[in-house]
Amino acid sequence: MIPILLLIHSLLRKLGSGTNLLTKLATLRRTMKTRTCAFSSILLAAALLLPSCSVKYDMVKFKAVGIMPAAPTPVPEIEIDTNVTAGMMGGAVKSNRPYNIQTNYLDDTFTFASAEFTTVTVTYADGTIDPGVAALKLPMRFQYRVYESPNSMAGGVVVVTKSRIIQAEFPGTISRDEPFTILIEGKFTKDDGTIIPFKIREKYDLSRENRTESWVDFVSAC
């Protein structure tokens, strides 16, 4: 409401002090009607043009090769964040280098206090280590936070399950669209001071998604 009043006040001042009130109001009415019609025209044009817009996918996805053998001690889970961005009305949905390594560990026992990472490397097939890992200030330590997961039960009852989660992120550590091997070493610290070391070595392959779809199909899939 305040912006509308300010607009009216501004328009009245521009009309000059010599014009009588009725003339001012008539002019104001014509001005606001013109602006409303212009805005409606923009909305109508958008509604007509959007269905003809297209969305182009140019994405990279990384997936661990094989099945990681069961570890005798707890280890974090690894995810690769490819920094996907999307246009609002058509355009491109694409991955953006460099990519990030993310890890998480879900603790249902409420005893894990933190995770400390001492080694993080990304090695490509030609033996090159990604230079992004050199920028990490290791060791890096991450504390737990409480994670809540709502679950719908019979009768419409929602039960919230709580646990601890330790999340970590290592930004800008993957700069190539190529297969690579991740090596992560560190340790968990529990509330009672117990230390649990961990070591993860996983090989990742990549797939590409290059396709085009209509903006309407893009929105309906959201």
Protein backbone atom coordinates (compact mmCIF):
# COMPACT_ATOMS: atom_id res chain seq x y z
CA MET A 1 0.00 0.00 0.00
CA ILE A 2 2.81 2.46 0.88
CA PRO A 3 4.48 2.21 -2.57
CA ILE A 4 1.12 2.99 -4.22
CA LEU A 5 0.65 6.08 -2.03
CA LEU A 6 4.15 7.26 -2.83
CA LEU A 7 3.44 6.79 -6.56
CA ILE A 8 0.24 8.83 -6.29
CA HIS A 9 2.02 11.57 -4.36
CA SER A 10 4.80 11.72 -6.94
CA LEU A 11 2.35 11.92 -9.85
CA LEU A 12 0.35 14.69 -8.18
CA ARG A 13 3.49 16.76 -7.66
CA LYS A 14 4.49 16.36 -11.30
CA LEU A 15 1.12 17.70 -12.45
CA GLY A 16 1.85 21.14 -10.97
CA SER A 17 0.13 23.30 -8.38
CA GLY A 18 -1.92 25.26 -10.88
CA THR A 19 -4.10 22.36 -11.93
CA ASN A 20 -7.34 21.85 -10.02
CA LEU A 21 -7.94 18.63 -8.09
CA LEU A 22 -10.43 17.13 -10.53
CA THR A 23 -8.04 17.59 -13.43
CA LYS A 24 -5.25 16.05 -11.37
CA LEU A 25 -7.35 13.02 -10.51
CA ALA A 26 -8.43 12.51 -14.12
CA THR A 27 -4.84 12.69 -15.31
CA LEU A 28 -3.76 10.35 -12.52
CA ARG A 29 -6.46 7.85 -13.50
CA ARG A 30 -5.31 7.84 -17.14
CA THR A 31 -1.66 7.42 -16.09
CA MET A 32 -2.34 4.47 -13.75
CA LYS A 33 -4.62 2.84 -16.33
CA THR A 34 -1.83 3.09 -18.93
CA ARG A 35 0.68 1.51 -16.55
CA THR A 36 -1.75 -1.27 -15.63
CA CYS A 37 -2.38 -2.06 -19.29
CA ALA A 38 1.37 -2.12 -19.98
CA PHE A 39 1.95 -4.53 -17.11
CA SER A 40 -0.91 -6.75 -18.29
CA SER A 41 0.57 -6.77 -21.79
CA ILE A 42 3.91 -7.93 -20.42
CA LEU A 43 2.22 -10.79 -18.53
CA LEU A 44 0.24 -11.78 -21.62
CA ALA A 45 3.38 -11.77 -23.78
CA ALA A 46 5.19 -13.91 -21.24
CA ALA A 47 2.31 -16.40 -21.13
CA LEU A 48 2.37 -16.68 -24.92
CA LEU A 49 6.14 -16.91 -25.31
CA LEU A 50 7.07 -19.22 -22.42
CA PRO A 51 5.58 -22.39 -23.95
CA SER A 52 7.86 -21.86 -26.96
CA CYS A 53 10.98 -21.50 -24.79
CA SER A 54 13.29 -24.45 -24.45
CA VAL A 55 15.65 -25.67 -21.73
CA LYS A 56 19.00 -27.12 -22.70
CA TYR A 57 20.67 -29.60 -20.36
CA ASP A 58 24.46 -29.68 -20.21
CA MET A 59 25.24 -31.63 -17.07
CA VAL A 60 27.92 -33.93 -15.71
CA LYS A 61 27.18 -36.62 -13.13
CA PHE A 62 29.76 -38.60 -11.15
CA LYS A 63 29.07 -42.08 -9.80
CA ALA A 64 31.23 -44.36 -7.70
CA VAL A 65 32.51 -47.38 -9.62
CA GLY A 66 31.65 -50.74 -8.12
CA ILE A 67 30.48 -51.43 -4.59
CA MET A 68 32.55 -50.10 -1.73
CA PRO A 69 33.42 -52.98 0.63
CA ALA A 70 31.89 -52.83 4.08
CA ALA A 71 34.19 -50.94 6.43
CA PRO A 72 34.97 -52.44 9.84
CA THR A 73 34.52 -48.98 11.40
CA PRO A 74 32.22 -46.04 10.61
CA VAL A 75 33.11 -43.94 7.56
CA PRO A 76 31.50 -40.81 6.04
CA GLU A 77 29.46 -41.04 2.85
CA ILE A 78 30.76 -39.08 -0.16
CA GLU A 79 28.71 -36.96 -2.56
CA ILE A 80 29.88 -34.89 -5.53
CA ASP A 81 28.24 -31.48 -5.91
CA THR A 82 28.47 -30.32 -9.55
CA ASN A 83 27.14 -26.80 -8.91
CA VAL A 84 24.06 -27.11 -11.13
CA THR A 85 22.45 -23.82 -12.17
CA ALA A 86 19.17 -23.30 -14.05
CA GLY A 87 17.58 -20.41 -15.93
CA MET A 88 14.24 -19.07 -14.68
CA MET A 89 12.45 -19.01 -18.06
CA GLY A 90 14.22 -21.19 -20.56
CA GLY A 91 17.96 -21.15 -21.03
CA ALA A 92 20.35 -23.77 -19.70
CA VAL A 93 20.59 -26.26 -16.87
CA LYS A 94 24.28 -26.91 -16.52
CA SER A 95 27.08 -28.09 -14.26
CA ASN A 96 29.74 -25.56 -13.38
CA ARG A 97 33.38 -26.38 -12.67
CA PRO A 98 35.12 -26.61 -10.28
CA TYR A 99 33.02 -29.15 -8.39
CA ASN A 100 32.83 -29.80 -4.66
CA ILE A 101 33.29 -32.89 -2.50
CA GLN A 102 30.74 -33.27 0.29
CA THR A 103 30.61 -35.87 3.06
CA ASN A 104 28.09 -36.71 5.73
CA TYR A 105 27.79 -39.18 8.57
CA LEU A 106 24.46 -39.91 10.26
CA ASP A 107 24.80 -40.88 13.92
CA ASP A 108 21.75 -42.53 15.46
CA THR A 109 23.65 -43.29 18.68
CA PHE A 110 24.09 -39.61 19.60
CA THR A 111 27.71 -40.23 20.56
CA PHE A 112 29.79 -38.84 17.67
CA ALA A 113 30.92 -35.28 18.39
CA SER A 114 33.09 -34.34 15.39
CA ALA A 115 35.04 -35.45 12.35
CA GLU A 116 38.54 -34.31 11.47
CA PHE A 117 39.88 -34.67 7.93
CA THR A 118 43.63 -34.90 7.48
CA THR A 119 43.90 -36.04 3.84
CA VAL A 120 41.77 -35.19 0.81
CA THR A 121 43.12 -35.92 -2.66
CA VAL A 122 41.60 -36.20 -6.14
CA THR A 123 43.76 -38.16 -8.58
CA TYR A 124 42.95 -38.44 -12.29
CA ALA A 125 43.73 -41.39 -14.57
CA ASP A 126 46.97 -39.78 -15.77
CA GLY A 127 48.24 -39.56 -12.19
CA THR A 128 47.65 -35.81 -11.83
CA ILE A 129 46.37 -34.60 -8.45
CA ASP A 130 43.80 -31.84 -8.73
CA PRO A 131 45.38 -28.53 -7.64
CA GLY A 132 42.17 -27.55 -5.85
CA VAL A 133 43.01 -29.79 -2.90
CA ALA A 134 46.16 -27.75 -2.25
CA ALA A 135 43.96 -24.80 -1.24
CA LEU A 136 42.34 -26.80 1.58
CA LYS A 137 43.59 -25.86 5.02
CA LEU A 138 43.95 -29.36 6.39
CA PRO A 139 43.33 -30.69 8.92
CA MET A 140 39.69 -29.55 8.86
CA ARG A 141 37.34 -30.26 11.74
CA PHE A 142 33.53 -30.35 11.59
CA GLN A 143 31.14 -30.56 14.55
CA TYR A 144 27.85 -32.44 14.64
CA ARG A 145 24.41 -30.89 14.46
CA VAL A 146 21.01 -32.36 15.25
CA TYR A 147 19.13 -33.62 12.19
CA GLU A 148 15.32 -34.00 12.20
CA SER A 149 13.52 -36.31 9.78
CA PRO A 150 9.68 -36.15 9.71
CA ASN A 151 7.92 -39.40 8.82
CA SER A 152 4.19 -39.77 8.09
CA MET A 153 2.53 -42.64 9.93
CA ALA A 154 -0.89 -44.26 9.66
CA GLY A 155 -3.76 -41.98 10.58
CA GLY A 156 -1.94 -38.84 9.44
CA VAL A 157 0.37 -38.77 12.46
CA VAL A 158 3.80 -37.25 11.78
CA VAL A 159 6.67 -38.63 13.81
CA VAL A 160 9.94 -36.69 13.89
CA THR A 161 13.08 -38.80 14.17
CA LYS A 162 16.18 -37.08 15.49
CA SER A 163 19.81 -38.00 15.03
CA ARG A 164 23.19 -36.36 14.83
CA ILE A 165 24.77 -35.55 11.49
CA ILE A 166 28.32 -34.48 10.71
CA GLN A 167 28.60 -32.74 7.35
CA ALA A 168 31.72 -31.50 5.59
CA GLU A 169 32.40 -29.74 2.30
CA PHE A 170 35.64 -29.36 0.34
CA PRO A 171 34.94 -26.72 -2.34
CA GLY A 172 36.66 -26.43 -5.69
CA THR A 173 38.46 -29.76 -5.48
CA ILE A 174 37.40 -31.28 -8.84
CA SER A 175 38.30 -29.20 -11.90
CA ARG A 176 38.12 -31.77 -14.72
CA ASP A 177 35.29 -33.64 -16.41
CA GLU A 178 37.22 -36.91 -16.16
CA PRO A 179 37.18 -40.08 -14.05
CA PHE A 180 39.10 -39.76 -10.79
CA THR A 181 39.91 -41.46 -7.50
CA ILE A 182 39.19 -39.84 -4.14
CA LEU A 183 41.27 -40.56 -1.07
CA ILE A 184 39.98 -39.24 2.25
CA GLU A 185 41.54 -39.92 5.65
CA GLY A 186 40.61 -38.64 9.07
CA LYS A 187 39.07 -39.54 12.39
CA PHE A 188 35.86 -39.31 14.37
CA THR A 189 35.89 -38.13 17.97
CA LYS A 190 33.10 -39.33 20.27
CA ASP A 191 31.68 -37.55 23.31
CA ASP A 192 33.77 -39.69 25.67
CA GLY A 193 36.99 -38.88 23.79
CA THR A 194 37.18 -42.15 21.86
CA ILE A 195 39.00 -41.78 18.52
CA ILE A 196 37.80 -43.76 15.46
CA PRO A 197 40.05 -43.36 12.39
CA PHE A 198 38.63 -43.74 8.88
CA LYS A 199 40.00 -44.06 5.36
CA ILE A 200 38.03 -43.95 2.11
CA ARG A 201 39.30 -44.63 -1.39
CA GLU A 202 36.69 -44.53 -4.15
CA LYS A 203 36.94 -44.40 -7.93
CA TYR A 204 34.41 -42.29 -9.83
CA ASP A 205 33.27 -42.39 -13.43
CA LEU A 206 31.20 -39.75 -15.17
CA SER A 207 28.20 -39.53 -17.44
CA ARG A 208 26.89 -36.59 -19.43
CA GLU A 209 23.36 -35.35 -19.99
CA ASN A 210 22.96 -33.30 -23.15
CA ARG A 211 19.37 -32.81 -24.26
CA THR A 212 16.71 -30.16 -24.84
CA GLU A 213 13.12 -30.01 -23.60
CA SER A 214 10.33 -27.45 -23.61
CA TRP A 215 10.02 -25.01 -20.72
CA VAL A 216 6.55 -26.41 -19.96
CA ASP A 217 7.95 -29.94 -19.55
CA PHE A 218 10.77 -28.56 -17.40
CA VAL A 219 8.33 -26.85 -15.03
CA SER A 220 5.96 -29.84 -14.85
CA ALA A 221 8.87 -32.04 -13.72
CA CYS A 222 9.73 -29.75 -10.79
